[in-house]
N, C-alpha and C. Protein backbone atom coordinates (compact mmCIF):
# COMPACT_ATOMS: atom_id res chain seq x y z
N MET A 1 21.68 -5.34 -0.03
CA MET A 1 20.69 -5.46 0.22
C MET A 1 20.70 -5.02 1.79
N SER A 2 19.32 -4.39 1.90
CA SER A 2 19.51 -3.05 3.15
C SER A 2 19.22 -4.05 3.92
N GLU A 3 19.46 -3.08 5.62
CA GLU A 3 19.36 -3.53 6.83
C GLU A 3 17.96 -3.97 7.07
N LYS A 4 17.63 -5.18 7.73
CA LYS A 4 16.31 -5.55 7.96
C LYS A 4 15.97 -4.89 9.31
N LYS A 5 14.57 -4.48 9.77
CA LYS A 5 14.33 -3.77 10.56
C LYS A 5 13.13 -4.74 11.52
N ILE A 6 12.84 -4.39 12.67
CA ILE A 6 11.72 -5.49 13.43
C ILE A 6 10.53 -4.49 13.54
N LEU A 7 9.28 -4.71 13.18
CA LEU A 7 8.38 -4.10 13.74
C LEU A 7 7.23 -4.60 14.58
N THR A 8 7.04 -4.52 15.75
CA THR A 8 5.82 -4.86 16.52
C THR A 8 4.48 -4.55 16.16
N LEU A 9 3.54 -5.01 16.17
CA LEU A 9 2.32 -4.36 15.30
C LEU A 9 1.14 -5.29 16.15
N LYS A 10 0.27 -4.39 17.03
CA LYS A 10 -0.93 -4.80 17.79
C LYS A 10 -1.88 -4.65 16.49
N LEU A 11 -3.10 -5.64 16.27
CA LEU A 11 -4.10 -5.72 15.65
C LEU A 11 -4.90 -6.13 16.35
N SER A 12 -6.43 -6.04 15.73
CA SER A 12 -7.19 -6.69 16.50
C SER A 12 -7.72 -7.68 15.85
N SER A 13 -8.51 -8.44 16.38
CA SER A 13 -8.91 -10.01 16.35
C SER A 13 -9.28 -10.00 14.92
N GLN A 14 -10.22 -8.81 14.37
CA GLN A 14 -10.69 -8.85 13.14
C GLN A 14 -9.56 -8.61 11.89
N GLU A 15 -8.93 -7.58 12.61
CA GLU A 15 -7.58 -7.40 11.35
C GLU A 15 -6.56 -8.57 11.42
N MET A 16 -6.68 -9.32 12.46
CA MET A 16 -5.98 -10.48 12.40
C MET A 16 -6.35 -11.61 11.57
N GLU A 17 -7.62 -11.79 11.37
CA GLU A 17 -8.25 -12.77 10.65
C GLU A 17 -8.26 -12.55 9.23
N MET A 18 -8.79 -11.04 9.02
CA MET A 18 -8.34 -10.74 7.70
C MET A 18 -7.35 -11.07 7.11
N ILE A 19 -5.94 -10.86 7.91
CA ILE A 19 -4.49 -10.77 7.22
C ILE A 19 -4.46 -12.87 7.39
N GLU A 20 -4.67 -13.17 8.08
CA GLU A 20 -4.61 -15.08 8.03
C GLU A 20 -5.50 -15.42 6.74
N GLU A 21 -6.99 -14.32 6.43
CA GLU A 21 -7.88 -15.43 5.62
C GLU A 21 -6.93 -14.72 4.08
N LEU A 22 -6.18 -13.83 3.94
CA LEU A 22 -5.21 -13.50 2.95
C LEU A 22 -4.39 -14.19 2.59
N ALA A 23 -3.62 -14.52 3.78
CA ALA A 23 -2.46 -15.43 3.52
C ALA A 23 -2.64 -17.05 3.04
N ARG A 24 -3.95 -17.24 3.60
CA ARG A 24 -4.75 -18.70 2.89
C ARG A 24 -4.52 -18.20 1.47
N ARG A 25 -5.68 -17.67 1.47
CA ARG A 25 -5.76 -17.72 -0.18
C ARG A 25 -4.70 -17.24 -1.22
N LYS A 26 -3.75 -16.76 -0.43
CA LYS A 26 -2.80 -16.19 -1.35
C LYS A 26 -1.37 -17.27 -1.32
N ASP A 27 -1.87 -18.01 -0.71
CA ASP A 27 -0.74 -18.99 0.24
C ASP A 27 1.26 -18.54 0.39
N ALA A 28 0.63 -17.27 1.55
CA ALA A 28 1.77 -16.73 1.52
C ALA A 28 1.68 -16.59 3.04
N SER A 29 3.00 -16.05 3.59
CA SER A 29 2.76 -15.45 5.13
C SER A 29 2.33 -14.33 5.34
N LYS A 30 1.91 -13.94 6.82
CA LYS A 30 1.33 -13.07 7.04
C LYS A 30 2.20 -11.93 6.72
N THR A 31 3.59 -11.95 6.98
CA THR A 31 4.62 -11.11 6.76
C THR A 31 4.70 -10.29 5.20
N ALA A 32 4.30 -11.47 4.45
CA ALA A 32 4.17 -11.01 3.08
C ALA A 32 3.15 -10.70 2.54
N ILE A 33 2.07 -10.74 3.12
CA ILE A 33 0.66 -9.92 2.97
C ILE A 33 0.84 -8.34 3.82
N ILE A 34 1.37 -8.38 4.71
CA ILE A 34 1.88 -7.24 5.13
C ILE A 34 2.36 -5.68 4.44
N LYS A 35 3.29 -7.06 3.74
CA LYS A 35 4.39 -6.23 3.07
C LYS A 35 3.87 -5.62 1.48
N GLN A 36 3.09 -6.70 0.96
CA GLN A 36 2.21 -6.31 -0.21
C GLN A 36 1.13 -5.56 0.39
N ALA A 37 0.57 -5.26 1.38
CA ALA A 37 -0.35 -4.03 1.48
C ALA A 37 0.25 -3.06 1.73
N ILE A 38 1.87 -2.40 2.18
CA ILE A 38 2.63 -1.30 2.05
C ILE A 38 2.58 -0.90 0.99
N ARG A 39 3.05 -1.76 0.12
CA ARG A 39 3.77 -1.80 -1.24
C ARG A 39 2.21 -0.92 -2.20
N LEU A 40 1.08 -1.81 -1.64
CA LEU A 40 0.10 -0.91 -2.40
C LEU A 40 -0.47 -0.08 -2.22
N LEU A 41 -0.85 0.29 -1.05
CA LEU A 41 -0.90 1.81 -0.31
C LEU A 41 0.13 2.76 -0.95
N MET A 42 1.67 2.65 -0.93
CA MET A 42 2.11 3.40 -1.40
C MET A 42 2.22 3.70 -3.23
N LEU A 43 1.79 2.79 -3.73
CA LEU A 43 1.37 3.08 -5.10
C LEU A 43 0.14 3.74 -5.32
N VAL A 44 -0.80 3.37 -4.59
CA VAL A 44 -2.10 4.30 -4.53
C VAL A 44 -1.90 5.68 -4.03
N GLU A 45 -1.05 5.82 -3.11
CA GLU A 45 -0.57 7.13 -2.69
C GLU A 45 0.15 8.13 -4.08
N ASN A 46 1.13 7.21 -4.27
CA ASN A 46 1.83 8.02 -5.34
C ASN A 46 0.70 8.52 -6.67
N ARG A 47 0.11 7.45 -6.61
CA ARG A 47 -0.96 7.69 -8.19
C ARG A 47 -1.96 8.51 -7.70
N LEU A 48 -2.31 8.74 -6.91
CA LEU A 48 -3.35 9.57 -6.31
C LEU A 48 -2.76 10.95 -6.00
N GLY A 49 -1.44 11.24 -5.67
CA GLY A 49 -0.64 12.22 -5.33
C GLY A 49 -0.21 13.08 -6.53
N ASP A 50 -0.26 12.52 -7.89
CA ASP A 50 0.23 13.01 -8.98
C ASP A 50 -0.99 13.20 -9.94
N GLY A 51 -2.11 13.27 -8.90
CA GLY A 51 -3.41 13.68 -9.71
C GLY A 51 -3.94 12.55 -10.64
N GLY A 52 -3.24 11.28 -10.42
CA GLY A 52 -3.90 10.59 -10.95
C GLY A 52 -5.48 10.25 -10.33
N LYS A 53 -6.15 8.55 -10.98
CA LYS A 53 -7.86 8.31 -10.66
C LYS A 53 -7.09 6.78 -10.43
N LEU A 54 -8.27 6.17 -9.60
CA LEU A 54 -7.97 4.74 -9.30
C LEU A 54 -9.54 4.15 -9.29
N PHE A 55 -9.71 3.21 -10.30
CA PHE A 55 -11.23 2.89 -10.83
C PHE A 55 -10.96 1.19 -10.12
N LEU A 56 -12.15 0.71 -9.73
CA LEU A 56 -12.75 -0.61 -9.66
C LEU A 56 -13.56 -1.15 -10.98
N GLU A 57 -13.17 -2.08 -11.66
CA GLU A 57 -14.04 -2.09 -12.99
C GLU A 57 -14.27 -3.74 -12.84
N ASP A 58 -16.05 -3.93 -12.78
CA ASP A 58 -16.21 -5.24 -13.87
C ASP A 58 -16.76 -5.29 -14.67
N LYS A 59 -17.48 -6.44 -15.12
CA LYS A 59 -18.09 -6.34 -16.65
C LYS A 59 -19.19 -5.41 -16.64
N ASP A 60 -19.96 -5.44 -15.44
CA ASP A 60 -21.05 -4.29 -15.51
C ASP A 60 -20.96 -2.93 -14.96
N GLN A 61 -19.74 -2.41 -14.32
CA GLN A 61 -20.01 -1.32 -13.70
C GLN A 61 -18.49 -0.64 -13.61
N LYS A 62 -18.04 0.26 -13.56
CA LYS A 62 -17.09 1.18 -13.38
C LYS A 62 -17.10 1.95 -12.19
N THR A 63 -16.09 2.02 -10.92
CA THR A 63 -16.56 2.94 -9.86
C THR A 63 -14.98 3.31 -9.74
N GLU A 64 -14.88 4.84 -9.65
CA GLU A 64 -13.72 5.31 -9.65
C GLU A 64 -13.51 5.23 -7.91
N LEU A 65 -12.39 4.98 -7.04
CA LEU A 65 -12.19 4.54 -5.74
C LEU A 65 -11.63 5.87 -5.07
N ALA A 66 -12.19 6.40 -4.15
CA ALA A 66 -11.67 7.39 -3.20
C ALA A 66 -11.45 7.14 -2.14
N VAL A 67 -9.91 7.67 -1.90
CA VAL A 67 -8.99 7.30 -0.87
C VAL A 67 -9.13 8.29 -0.11
N LEU A 68 -9.81 8.16 1.49
CA LEU A 68 -9.38 9.23 2.53
C LEU A 68 -7.37 9.31 2.63
């Protein structure tokens, strides 16, 4: 197992509320939510970096996701 490191993070009230809401919805810790967000961002970056595209799709619409 890799060595654990500590990160201090300053968030706005709105950002903290979003993390807390996600944690409630997923019945997870705030740390788990942040780790999941990091993994998701890396997945997105890797996909786009390899020339791939991302789409959001529901029963009525398919939209390409543009990431800056």
